Amino acid sequence: MSDLFISYQAADPLAHSFQVQLREWAQKNWAFPTISFHDQCLPVQFTGTRAPALKRQIRKEIRQSNRILIIISRETWQSEWADWEIAMARQADKQVLAVKLDNTSMSPLGLLDAEPAWIDPFDPAALMQESF
């Protein structure tokens, strides 16, 4: 179980470096939430034959988390996985957090109705707050 489920695009250098930074913050600060990660660009197609098993696993992780953080990078806006994860978080009544690593990146459509709490990517304390 994690306190914070994090959805990100590992292929994006900014998102990958932020993921590394999150792991470092978690290791250095006992008050930092426990985290789990999901790469939005998996080798598993969203509608492929292996997708149902992966969706069950991700749905379980989201339900067991307190919050979900969507790391928005260049390709996130067109990620079916990101929109689906946001929908699952909303169904499970989880708080949705979002962070843009680059102001030119477009948000996924699923965030429009989710009313996410936007956080500062350079402030680890923002992720230690229980709610926004």
Protein backbone atom coordinates (compact mmCIF):
# COMPACT_ATOMS: atom_id res chain seq x y z
CA MET A 1 0.00 0.00 0.00
CA SER A 2 1.24 3.48 -0.82
CA ASP A 3 0.06 6.88 0.28
CA LEU A 4 0.64 8.32 -3.17
CA PHE A 5 0.12 6.61 -6.53
CA ILE A 6 2.18 8.41 -9.18
CA SER A 7 1.44 8.26 -12.89
CA TYR A 8 4.22 9.44 -15.20
CA GLN A 9 5.85 8.95 -18.61
CA ALA A 10 9.22 7.29 -18.05
CA ALA A 11 10.24 7.97 -21.67
CA ASP A 12 10.11 11.72 -21.03
CA PRO A 13 13.48 12.90 -19.58
CA LEU A 14 11.85 15.55 -17.36
CA ALA A 15 9.31 13.11 -15.96
CA HIS A 16 11.99 10.50 -15.37
CA SER A 17 14.23 12.97 -13.52
CA PHE A 18 11.25 14.09 -11.40
CA GLN A 19 10.51 10.44 -10.58
CA VAL A 20 14.12 10.04 -9.41
CA GLN A 21 13.77 13.23 -7.34
CA LEU A 22 10.58 11.88 -5.71
CA ARG A 23 12.38 8.66 -4.74
CA GLU A 24 15.24 10.69 -3.22
CA TRP A 25 12.82 12.82 -1.21
CA ALA A 26 11.08 9.68 0.04
CA GLN A 27 14.40 8.16 1.14
CA LYS A 28 15.60 11.30 2.93
CA ASN A 29 12.42 12.29 4.78
CA TRP A 30 10.46 9.89 6.98
CA ALA A 31 7.38 12.15 6.74
CA PHE A 32 7.29 11.87 2.94
CA PRO A 33 4.43 9.66 1.73
CA THR A 34 5.12 6.11 0.60
CA ILE A 35 4.93 6.07 -3.17
CA SER A 36 4.20 3.72 -6.04
CA PHE A 37 4.74 4.51 -9.71
CA HIS A 38 2.97 3.66 -12.95
CA ASP A 39 4.58 4.42 -16.29
CA GLN A 40 1.88 5.73 -18.69
CA CYS A 41 3.82 4.43 -21.73
CA LEU A 42 3.83 0.76 -20.99
CA PRO A 43 4.60 -1.85 -23.61
CA VAL A 44 1.06 -3.07 -22.87
CA GLN A 45 -1.50 -1.57 -25.27
CA PHE A 46 -4.45 0.04 -23.47
CA THR A 47 -6.87 -2.24 -25.35
CA GLY A 48 -4.46 -5.17 -25.80
CA THR A 49 -4.88 -8.70 -24.53
CA ARG A 50 -2.67 -8.07 -21.47
CA ALA A 51 -4.46 -4.84 -20.52
CA PRO A 52 -7.26 -6.32 -18.33
CA ALA A 53 -4.81 -7.91 -15.88
CA LEU A 54 -2.74 -4.72 -15.69
CA LYS A 55 -5.87 -2.61 -15.21
CA ARG A 56 -6.95 -4.82 -12.29
CA GLN A 57 -3.52 -4.38 -10.70
CA ILE A 58 -3.50 -0.60 -11.20
CA ARG A 59 -7.11 -0.26 -9.97
CA LYS A 60 -6.12 -2.12 -6.78
CA GLU A 61 -3.08 0.13 -6.26
CA ILE A 62 -5.20 3.26 -6.74
CA ARG A 63 -7.84 2.01 -4.28
CA GLN A 64 -5.11 1.27 -1.72
CA SER A 65 -3.51 4.70 -2.13
CA ASN A 66 -4.70 7.86 -0.45
CA ARG A 67 -4.02 10.14 -3.41
CA ILE A 68 -2.93 10.01 -7.04
CA LEU A 69 -0.39 12.35 -8.64
CA ILE A 70 -0.43 12.84 -12.40
CA ILE A 71 2.92 14.07 -13.69
CA ILE A 72 2.10 15.95 -16.88
CA SER A 73 4.72 15.82 -19.58
CA ARG A 74 4.74 16.11 -23.37
CA GLU A 75 2.72 12.97 -24.20
CA THR A 76 0.42 12.79 -21.16
CA TRP A 77 -2.42 14.66 -22.85
CA GLN A 78 -2.95 11.79 -25.27
CA SER A 79 -2.36 8.92 -22.83
CA GLU A 80 -5.35 6.60 -22.51
CA TRP A 81 -3.71 5.18 -19.40
CA ALA A 82 -3.56 8.61 -17.69
CA ASP A 83 -7.23 9.36 -18.43
CA TRP A 84 -8.23 5.91 -17.20
CA GLU A 85 -6.18 6.27 -14.00
CA ILE A 86 -7.79 9.63 -13.29
CA ALA A 87 -11.24 8.10 -13.83
CA MET A 88 -10.40 5.21 -11.47
CA ALA A 89 -9.15 7.65 -8.82
CA ARG A 90 -12.36 9.66 -9.06
CA GLN A 91 -14.49 6.50 -8.81
CA ALA A 92 -12.55 5.50 -5.70
CA ASP A 93 -13.01 9.03 -4.28
CA LYS A 94 -9.25 9.68 -4.17
CA GLN A 95 -7.73 13.11 -4.21
CA VAL A 96 -6.14 13.91 -7.58
CA LEU A 97 -2.95 15.96 -7.62
CA ALA A 98 -1.28 17.24 -10.76
CA VAL A 99 2.05 18.76 -11.63
CA LYS A 100 3.30 20.23 -14.90
CA LEU A 101 7.01 19.90 -15.46
CA ASP A 102 6.92 22.06 -18.56
CA ASN A 103 4.38 24.85 -19.04
CA THR A 104 3.98 23.94 -22.71
CA SER A 105 2.68 20.44 -21.89
CA MET A 106 -1.05 19.93 -22.33
CA SER A 107 -3.10 18.34 -19.57
CA PRO A 108 -4.96 15.09 -20.23
CA LEU A 109 -8.68 15.49 -20.82
CA GLY A 110 -9.46 13.45 -17.71
CA LEU A 111 -8.12 16.26 -15.52
CA LEU A 112 -10.71 18.75 -16.77
CA ASP A 113 -13.47 17.33 -14.56
CA ALA A 114 -11.22 15.99 -11.80
CA GLU A 115 -10.51 19.42 -10.27
CA PRO A 116 -6.98 18.44 -9.28
CA ALA A 117 -4.87 20.16 -6.67
CA TRP A 118 -1.91 21.61 -8.61
CA ILE A 119 1.40 21.29 -6.82
CA ASP A 120 4.82 22.88 -7.15
CA PRO A 121 7.28 20.24 -8.44
CA PHE A 122 10.13 21.82 -6.48
CA ASP A 123 8.42 21.72 -3.09
CA PRO A 124 8.51 18.29 -1.41
CA ALA A 125 6.42 19.67 1.46
CA ALA A 126 3.47 20.00 -0.93
CA LEU A 127 3.32 16.21 -1.20
CA MET A 128 3.47 15.77 2.56
CA GLN A 129 0.20 17.62 3.09
CA GLU A 130 -2.73 15.28 3.62
CA SER A 131 -5.17 17.36 1.62
CA PHE A 132 -5.38 20.60 -0.31
